[in-house]
């Protein structure tokens, strides 16, 4: 007798799971489309910001909500990076075959050597945009920025 009740409970749970999974898939489809649209607008903004009259601009203030868009120009920022096991193996082999200087203990020197190789490879060649909410309380997010700003409504 309990088997029938257990099966109904399982069927009910499976249906809830399916419903939630379907909703997540729909939302992910929408998010994917929004990200594509956002990338298109970022490319448009990049083209505009390459013009000489905008070359010193590094912040776009949005006055209606107090947020701003931080502009990261090409060659001024590095993309985040990670290493696959194969990349790590290749870098270690390259280091062992001539990259070592002997100036530091080898683990530290190897670490620095790998970071330097990756850092130069990850310097961005394109613009990046980051929207920051609340201009008054940005925790020093723009301490190193120049004063180029433009407001938008």
N, C-alpha and C. Protein backbone atom coordinates (compact mmCIF):
# COMPACT_ATOMS: atom_id res chain seq x y z
N UNK A 1 0.82 -1.20 0.00
CA UNK A 1 0.00 0.00 0.00
C UNK A 1 0.86 1.26 0.00
N UNK A 2 1.89 1.28 0.78
CA UNK A 2 2.76 2.45 0.82
C UNK A 2 3.46 2.69 -0.51
N UNK A 3 3.61 1.64 -1.30
CA UNK A 3 4.27 1.77 -2.59
C UNK A 3 3.50 2.71 -3.50
N UNK A 4 2.19 2.62 -3.52
CA UNK A 4 1.36 3.50 -4.36
C UNK A 4 1.51 4.95 -3.93
N UNK A 5 1.53 5.19 -2.62
CA UNK A 5 1.70 6.55 -2.10
C UNK A 5 3.09 7.07 -2.45
N UNK A 6 4.10 6.23 -2.26
CA UNK A 6 5.48 6.62 -2.58
C UNK A 6 5.61 6.97 -4.07
N UNK A 7 4.97 6.17 -4.93
CA UNK A 7 5.03 6.43 -6.37
C UNK A 7 4.36 7.75 -6.72
N UNK A 8 3.22 8.03 -6.08
CA UNK A 8 2.54 9.31 -6.34
C UNK A 8 3.41 10.48 -5.89
N UNK A 9 4.05 10.32 -4.73
CA UNK A 9 4.95 11.37 -4.25
C UNK A 9 6.09 11.60 -5.24
N UNK A 10 6.64 10.50 -5.74
CA UNK A 10 7.74 10.60 -6.70
C UNK A 10 7.26 11.25 -8.00
N UNK A 11 6.10 10.84 -8.50
CA UNK A 11 5.55 11.43 -9.73
C UNK A 11 5.34 12.93 -9.54
N UNK A 12 4.78 13.32 -8.40
CA UNK A 12 4.55 14.74 -8.10
C UNK A 12 5.89 15.50 -8.09
N UNK A 13 6.89 14.93 -7.44
CA UNK A 13 8.21 15.58 -7.37
C UNK A 13 8.85 15.67 -8.76
N UNK A 14 8.72 14.62 -9.56
CA UNK A 14 9.29 14.63 -10.91
C UNK A 14 8.62 15.70 -11.76
N UNK A 15 7.31 15.85 -11.63
CA UNK A 15 6.60 16.87 -12.40
C UNK A 15 7.04 18.28 -11.98
N UNK A 16 7.22 18.49 -10.68
CA UNK A 16 7.72 19.78 -10.20
C UNK A 16 9.12 20.05 -10.77
N UNK A 17 9.95 19.00 -10.72
CA UNK A 17 11.31 19.11 -11.25
C UNK A 17 11.28 19.50 -12.72
N UNK A 18 10.45 18.79 -13.50
CA UNK A 18 10.34 19.06 -14.93
C UNK A 18 9.88 20.50 -15.17
N UNK A 19 8.89 20.94 -14.41
CA UNK A 19 8.37 22.29 -14.56
C UNK A 19 9.46 23.33 -14.28
N UNK A 20 10.18 23.13 -13.19
CA UNK A 20 11.27 24.06 -12.86
C UNK A 20 12.37 24.03 -13.91
N UNK A 21 12.72 22.84 -14.37
CA UNK A 21 13.75 22.70 -15.40
C UNK A 21 13.32 23.41 -16.68
N UNK A 22 12.05 23.27 -17.07
CA UNK A 22 11.54 23.97 -18.26
C UNK A 22 11.63 25.49 -18.08
N UNK A 23 11.26 25.97 -16.90
CA UNK A 23 11.33 27.41 -16.63
C UNK A 23 12.77 27.91 -16.72
N UNK A 24 13.70 27.15 -16.16
CA UNK A 24 15.11 27.54 -16.20
C UNK A 24 15.59 27.59 -17.65
N UNK A 25 15.20 26.61 -18.46
CA UNK A 25 15.60 26.60 -19.88
C UNK A 25 15.06 27.82 -20.60
N UNK A 26 13.81 28.19 -20.33
CA UNK A 26 13.23 29.38 -20.96
C UNK A 26 13.98 30.64 -20.54
N UNK A 27 14.26 30.75 -19.25
CA UNK A 27 14.99 31.92 -18.74
C UNK A 27 16.39 31.97 -19.35
N UNK A 28 17.07 30.83 -19.43
CA UNK A 28 18.41 30.80 -20.02
C UNK A 28 18.39 31.22 -21.48
N UNK A 29 17.34 30.83 -22.21
CA UNK A 29 17.21 31.25 -23.60
C UNK A 29 17.08 32.77 -23.67
N UNK A 30 16.27 33.33 -22.80
CA UNK A 30 16.11 34.79 -22.75
C UNK A 30 17.42 35.47 -22.38
N UNK A 31 18.11 34.95 -21.37
CA UNK A 31 19.39 35.53 -20.94
C UNK A 31 20.40 35.47 -22.08
N UNK A 32 20.47 34.36 -22.79
CA UNK A 32 21.39 34.23 -23.92
C UNK A 32 21.13 35.31 -24.96
N UNK A 33 19.85 35.51 -25.29
CA UNK A 33 19.48 36.54 -26.28
C UNK A 33 19.84 37.93 -25.77
N UNK A 34 19.58 38.20 -24.49
CA UNK A 34 19.93 39.50 -23.92
C UNK A 34 21.44 39.73 -23.95
N UNK A 35 22.21 38.69 -23.68
CA UNK A 35 23.68 38.82 -23.73
C UNK A 35 24.15 39.12 -25.15
N UNK A 36 23.53 38.48 -26.13
CA UNK A 36 23.86 38.78 -27.54
C UNK A 36 23.55 40.24 -27.85
N UNK A 37 22.38 40.70 -27.44
CA UNK A 37 21.97 42.09 -27.67
C UNK A 37 22.93 43.05 -26.98
N UNK A 38 23.31 42.73 -25.75
CA UNK A 38 24.23 43.57 -24.99
C UNK A 38 25.58 43.64 -25.69
N UNK A 39 26.07 42.52 -26.20
CA UNK A 39 27.35 42.49 -26.91
C UNK A 39 27.29 43.36 -28.15
N UNK A 40 26.16 43.32 -28.86
CA UNK A 40 25.99 44.17 -30.05
C UNK A 40 26.11 45.64 -29.66
N UNK A 41 25.44 46.04 -28.58
CA UNK A 41 25.49 47.43 -28.12
C UNK A 41 26.91 47.79 -27.65
N UNK A 42 27.59 46.86 -26.98
CA UNK A 42 28.98 47.11 -26.56
C UNK A 42 29.88 47.34 -27.78
N UNK A 43 29.67 46.58 -28.84
CA UNK A 43 30.45 46.79 -30.07
C UNK A 43 30.16 48.16 -30.67
N UNK A 44 28.90 48.56 -30.63
CA UNK A 44 28.51 49.88 -31.13
C UNK A 44 29.18 50.98 -30.28
N UNK A 45 29.14 50.81 -28.95
CA UNK A 45 29.79 51.79 -28.06
C UNK A 45 31.29 51.83 -28.33
N UNK A 46 31.91 50.68 -28.54
CA UNK A 46 33.35 50.62 -28.83
C UNK A 46 33.69 51.42 -30.08
N UNK A 47 32.90 51.23 -31.13
CA UNK A 47 33.14 51.97 -32.38
C UNK A 47 33.04 53.48 -32.15
N UNK A 48 32.07 53.90 -31.37
CA UNK A 48 31.89 55.33 -31.09
C UNK A 48 33.05 55.85 -30.23
N UNK A 49 33.44 55.08 -29.22
CA UNK A 49 34.49 55.53 -28.30
C UNK A 49 35.88 55.55 -28.93
N UNK A 50 36.06 54.93 -30.08
CA UNK A 50 37.34 54.99 -30.80
C UNK A 50 37.55 56.36 -31.45
N UNK A 51 36.50 57.11 -31.62
CA UNK A 51 36.60 58.44 -32.25
C UNK A 51 37.43 59.36 -31.37
N UNK A 52 38.19 60.25 -32.00
CA UNK A 52 39.12 61.11 -31.26
C UNK A 52 38.44 62.00 -30.23
N UNK A 53 37.23 62.46 -30.49
CA UNK A 53 36.58 63.33 -29.51
C UNK A 53 36.18 62.58 -28.24
N UNK A 54 36.30 61.26 -28.21
CA UNK A 54 35.98 60.48 -27.01
C UNK A 54 37.21 59.75 -26.45
N UNK A 55 38.40 60.06 -26.94
CA UNK A 55 39.58 59.29 -26.55
C UNK A 55 39.95 59.40 -25.08
N UNK A 56 39.57 60.47 -24.40
CA UNK A 56 39.89 60.61 -22.97
C UNK A 56 38.73 60.21 -22.06
N UNK A 57 37.67 59.75 -22.63
CA UNK A 57 36.49 59.38 -21.86
C UNK A 57 36.68 57.98 -21.26
N UNK A 58 36.51 57.87 -19.94
CA UNK A 58 36.66 56.56 -19.30
C UNK A 58 35.51 56.22 -18.37
N UNK A 59 34.49 57.07 -18.36
CA UNK A 59 33.34 56.82 -17.49
C UNK A 59 32.11 57.47 -18.11
N UNK A 60 31.01 56.73 -18.12
CA UNK A 60 29.74 57.27 -18.59
C UNK A 60 28.76 57.24 -17.42
N UNK A 61 28.42 58.41 -16.91
CA UNK A 61 27.50 58.47 -15.78
C UNK A 61 26.06 58.39 -16.27
N UNK A 62 25.27 57.61 -15.58
CA UNK A 62 23.84 57.47 -15.90
C UNK A 62 23.09 58.17 -14.78
N UNK A 63 22.60 59.35 -15.06
CA UNK A 63 22.07 60.20 -14.00
C UNK A 63 20.76 59.71 -13.40
N UNK A 64 19.91 59.00 -14.17
CA UNK A 64 18.61 58.61 -13.60
C UNK A 64 18.74 57.67 -12.42
N UNK A 65 19.74 56.79 -12.42
CA UNK A 65 19.84 55.84 -11.31
C UNK A 65 21.14 55.95 -10.52
N UNK A 66 21.99 56.92 -10.86
CA UNK A 66 23.23 57.12 -10.11
C UNK A 66 24.33 56.12 -10.44
N UNK A 67 24.10 55.27 -11.41
CA UNK A 67 25.14 54.31 -11.78
C UNK A 67 26.05 54.92 -12.84
N UNK A 68 27.11 54.21 -13.17
CA UNK A 68 27.95 54.63 -14.28
C UNK A 68 28.54 53.41 -14.96
N UNK A 69 29.00 53.62 -16.18
CA UNK A 69 29.66 52.56 -16.93
C UNK A 69 31.14 52.88 -16.98
N UNK A 70 31.94 52.00 -16.44
CA UNK A 70 33.39 52.14 -16.46
C UNK A 70 33.88 51.63 -17.82
N UNK A 71 34.67 52.43 -18.50
CA UNK A 71 35.18 52.07 -19.82
C UNK A 71 36.62 51.58 -19.67
N UNK A 72 36.88 50.37 -20.10
CA UNK A 72 38.24 49.84 -20.10
C UNK A 72 38.68 49.78 -21.56
N UNK A 73 39.71 50.56 -21.88
CA UNK A 73 40.16 50.68 -23.26
C UNK A 73 41.14 49.56 -23.63
N UNK A 74 41.24 49.28 -24.94
CA UNK A 74 42.17 48.24 -25.38
C UNK A 74 43.59 48.51 -24.88
N UNK A 75 44.30 47.43 -24.58
CA UNK A 75 45.69 47.47 -24.12
C UNK A 75 45.86 48.05 -22.71
N UNK A 76 44.76 48.33 -22.00
CA UNK A 76 44.87 48.91 -20.65
C UNK A 76 44.39 47.97 -19.56
N UNK A 77 43.93 46.79 -19.93
CA UNK A 77 43.43 45.84 -18.93
C UNK A 77 43.72 44.42 -19.39
N UNK A 78 43.72 43.51 -18.45
CA UNK A 78 43.98 42.11 -18.76
C UNK A 78 42.74 41.28 -18.51
N UNK A 79 42.50 40.35 -19.39
CA UNK A 79 41.38 39.43 -19.23
C UNK A 79 41.70 38.45 -18.11
N UNK A 80 40.70 37.96 -17.41
CA UNK A 80 40.95 36.90 -16.42
C UNK A 80 41.44 35.65 -17.16
N UNK A 81 42.24 34.86 -16.49
CA UNK A 81 42.75 33.68 -17.16
C UNK A 81 42.84 32.49 -16.22
N UNK A 82 42.93 31.34 -16.82
CA UNK A 82 43.15 30.10 -16.09
C UNK A 82 44.02 29.22 -16.97
N UNK A 83 44.50 28.13 -16.42
CA UNK A 83 45.35 27.22 -17.17
C UNK A 83 44.73 25.84 -17.23
N UNK A 84 44.76 25.25 -18.39
CA UNK A 84 44.39 23.84 -18.48
C UNK A 84 45.59 23.02 -18.03
N UNK A 85 45.38 21.77 -17.75
CA UNK A 85 46.51 20.91 -17.36
C UNK A 85 47.55 20.85 -18.48
N UNK A 86 47.10 20.81 -19.71
CA UNK A 86 48.03 20.75 -20.85
C UNK A 86 48.85 22.03 -20.94
N UNK A 87 48.19 23.19 -20.80
CA UNK A 87 48.93 24.46 -20.84
C UNK A 87 49.96 24.52 -19.74
N UNK A 88 49.57 24.11 -18.53
CA UNK A 88 50.49 24.12 -17.40
C UNK A 88 51.69 23.22 -17.68
N UNK A 89 51.42 22.05 -18.19
CA UNK A 89 52.49 21.10 -18.52
C UNK A 89 53.43 21.70 -19.57
N UNK A 90 52.87 22.33 -20.61
CA UNK A 90 53.68 22.95 -21.66
C UNK A 90 54.52 24.10 -21.11
N UNK A 91 53.92 24.92 -20.25
CA UNK A 91 54.67 26.04 -19.67
C UNK A 91 55.79 25.55 -18.77
N UNK A 92 55.54 24.53 -17.98
CA UNK A 92 56.59 23.99 -17.12
C UNK A 92 57.72 23.43 -17.98
N UNK A 93 57.38 22.72 -19.04
CA UNK A 93 58.42 22.18 -19.94
C UNK A 93 59.23 23.31 -20.56
N UNK A 94 58.57 24.37 -20.97
CA UNK A 94 59.26 25.52 -21.55
C UNK A 94 60.18 26.18 -20.53
N UNK A 95 59.72 26.28 -19.30
CA UNK A 95 60.51 26.87 -18.22
C UNK A 95 61.76 26.03 -17.96
N UNK A 96 61.58 24.73 -17.85
CA UNK A 96 62.69 23.81 -17.56
C UNK A 96 63.71 23.83 -18.70
N UNK A 97 63.26 24.06 -19.92
CA UNK A 97 64.15 24.06 -21.08
C UNK A 97 64.67 25.45 -21.43
N UNK A 98 64.95 26.27 -20.43
CA UNK A 98 65.60 27.55 -20.71
C UNK A 98 64.99 28.78 -20.08
N UNK A 99 63.88 28.67 -19.41
CA UNK A 99 63.26 29.85 -18.82
C UNK A 99 63.77 30.20 -17.44
N UNK A 100 64.42 29.27 -16.76
CA UNK A 100 64.85 29.49 -15.38
C UNK A 100 66.05 30.42 -15.32
N UNK A 101 66.07 31.30 -14.30
CA UNK A 101 67.21 32.20 -14.11
C UNK A 101 68.02 31.85 -12.87
N UNK A 102 67.41 31.17 -11.91
CA UNK A 102 68.10 30.82 -10.68
C UNK A 102 68.16 31.93 -9.66
N UNK A 103 67.44 33.03 -9.88
CA UNK A 103 67.47 34.16 -8.95
C UNK A 103 66.58 33.98 -7.73
N UNK A 104 65.61 33.09 -7.79
CA UNK A 104 64.68 32.86 -6.68
C UNK A 104 64.57 31.36 -6.46
N UNK A 105 63.99 30.96 -5.33
CA UNK A 105 63.70 29.53 -5.18
C UNK A 105 62.82 29.09 -6.35
N UNK A 106 63.08 27.91 -6.90
CA UNK A 106 62.43 27.52 -8.16
C UNK A 106 60.91 27.54 -8.14
N UNK A 107 60.21 27.15 -7.04
CA UNK A 107 58.74 27.22 -7.13
C UNK A 107 58.24 28.66 -7.33
N UNK A 108 58.84 29.60 -6.62
CA UNK A 108 58.44 31.00 -6.73
C UNK A 108 58.81 31.55 -8.11
N UNK A 109 60.00 31.23 -8.57
CA UNK A 109 60.43 31.70 -9.89
C UNK A 109 59.55 31.11 -10.99
N UNK A 110 59.23 29.83 -10.88
CA UNK A 110 58.37 29.18 -11.86
C UNK A 110 56.99 29.84 -11.88
N UNK A 111 56.45 30.09 -10.70
CA UNK A 111 55.15 30.74 -10.59
C UNK A 111 55.18 32.11 -11.29
N UNK A 112 56.17 32.93 -10.94
CA UNK A 112 56.30 34.27 -11.55
C UNK A 112 56.46 34.18 -13.06
N UNK A 113 57.25 33.22 -13.51
CA UNK A 113 57.51 33.04 -14.94
C UNK A 113 56.21 32.71 -15.68
N UNK A 114 55.43 31.80 -15.13
CA UNK A 114 54.15 31.42 -15.76
C UNK A 114 53.18 32.60 -15.76
N UNK A 115 53.09 33.30 -14.64
CA UNK A 115 52.18 34.46 -14.56
C UNK A 115 52.57 35.51 -15.59
N UNK A 116 53.86 35.80 -15.74
CA UNK A 116 54.31 36.79 -16.73
C UNK A 116 53.92 36.37 -18.14
N UNK A 117 54.10 35.11 -18.49
CA UNK A 117 53.74 34.62 -19.83
C UNK A 117 52.24 34.78 -20.08
N UNK A 118 51.44 34.40 -19.10
CA UNK A 118 49.98 34.48 -19.26
C UNK A 118 49.52 35.93 -19.28
N UNK A 119 50.11 36.75 -18.43
CA UNK A 119 49.68 38.15 -18.32
C UNK A 119 49.84 38.86 -19.66
N UNK A 120 50.98 38.69 -20.30
CA UNK A 120 51.18 39.37 -21.57
C UNK A 120 50.25 38.83 -22.65
N UNK A 121 49.95 37.55 -22.59
CA UNK A 121 49.04 36.95 -23.59
C UNK A 121 47.60 37.38 -23.37
N UNK A 122 47.25 37.81 -22.17
CA UNK A 122 45.86 38.12 -21.86
C UNK A 122 45.54 39.62 -21.86
N UNK A 123 46.48 40.45 -22.31
CA UNK A 123 46.17 41.88 -22.42
C UNK A 123 45.08 42.03 -23.47
N UNK A 124 44.01 42.69 -23.10
CA UNK A 124 42.83 42.80 -23.96
C UNK A 124 43.09 43.71 -25.15
N UNK A 125 42.61 43.30 -26.28
CA UNK A 125 42.73 44.09 -27.51
C UNK A 125 41.43 44.83 -27.81
N UNK A 126 40.44 44.68 -26.94
CA UNK A 126 39.13 45.29 -27.18
C UNK A 126 38.68 46.09 -25.96
N UNK A 127 37.63 46.84 -26.15
CA UNK A 127 37.01 47.58 -25.06
C UNK A 127 36.28 46.61 -24.14
N UNK A 128 36.11 47.03 -22.89
CA UNK A 128 35.23 46.31 -21.96
C UNK A 128 34.44 47.36 -21.19
N UNK A 129 33.24 47.00 -20.81
CA UNK A 129 32.36 47.92 -20.09
C UNK A 129 31.85 47.24 -18.84
N UNK A 130 31.85 48.00 -17.76
CA UNK A 130 31.34 47.47 -16.50
C UNK A 130 30.43 48.52 -15.89
N UNK A 131 29.18 48.16 -15.66
CA UNK A 131 28.25 49.09 -15.03
C UNK A 131 28.39 48.98 -13.53
N UNK A 132 28.58 50.11 -12.88
CA UNK A 132 28.75 50.16 -11.43
C UNK A 132 27.57 50.92 -10.86
N UNK A 133 26.89 50.32 -9.91
CA UNK A 133 25.73 50.96 -9.29
C UNK A 133 26.20 51.92 -8.20
N UNK A 134 25.59 52.94 -7.89
CA UNK A 134 25.88 53.83 -6.77
C UNK A 134 27.25 54.49 -6.87
N UNK A 135 27.30 55.65 -7.50
CA UNK A 135 28.53 56.40 -7.73
C UNK A 135 29.16 56.86 -6.42
N UNK A 136 28.35 57.21 -5.40
CA UNK A 136 28.88 57.71 -4.14
C UNK A 136 29.62 56.64 -3.35
N UNK A 137 29.19 55.39 -3.44
CA UNK A 137 29.79 54.33 -2.64
C UNK A 137 30.33 53.24 -3.55
N UNK A 138 31.43 53.54 -4.25
CA UNK A 138 31.97 52.54 -5.16
C UNK A 138 33.23 51.89 -4.60
N UNK A 139 33.51 52.07 -3.32
CA UNK A 139 34.63 51.41 -2.64
C UNK A 139 35.95 51.59 -3.39
N UNK A 140 36.19 52.79 -3.91
CA UNK A 140 37.46 53.07 -4.58
C UNK A 140 37.58 52.43 -5.94
N UNK A 141 36.47 52.04 -6.53
CA UNK A 141 36.50 51.37 -7.82
C UNK A 141 37.14 52.22 -8.91
N UNK A 142 37.06 53.55 -8.75
CA UNK A 142 37.59 54.40 -9.81
C UNK A 142 38.76 55.24 -9.33
N UNK A 143 39.50 54.78 -8.33
CA UNK A 143 40.62 55.55 -7.80
C UNK A 143 41.67 55.86 -8.86
N UNK A 144 41.94 54.94 -9.76
CA UNK A 144 43.00 55.11 -10.73
C UNK A 144 42.51 55.67 -12.06
N UNK A 145 41.26 56.03 -12.13
CA UNK A 145 40.72 56.52 -13.39
C UNK A 145 41.06 57.99 -13.59
N UNK A 146 41.16 58.37 -14.86
CA UNK A 146 41.35 59.77 -15.18
C UNK A 146 39.99 60.45 -15.07
N UNK A 147 39.97 61.74 -15.28
CA UNK A 147 38.73 62.47 -15.03
C UNK A 147 37.77 62.51 -16.20
N UNK A 148 38.04 61.83 -17.30
CA UNK A 148 37.14 61.89 -18.45
C UNK A 148 35.79 61.28 -18.15
N UNK A 149 34.72 62.09 -18.16
CA UNK A 149 33.38 61.61 -17.85
C UNK A 149 32.38 62.22 -18.80
N UNK A 150 31.27 61.54 -18.96
CA UNK A 150 30.16 62.09 -19.72
C UNK A 150 28.88 61.59 -19.07
N UNK A 151 27.92 62.47 -18.90
CA UNK A 151 26.65 62.07 -18.28
C UNK A 151 25.63 61.64 -19.31
N UNK A 152 24.71 60.78 -18.87
CA UNK A 152 23.60 60.34 -19.73
C UNK A 152 22.36 60.24 -18.86
N UNK A 153 21.21 60.44 -19.46
CA UNK A 153 19.96 60.36 -18.70
C UNK A 153 19.27 59.06 -18.94
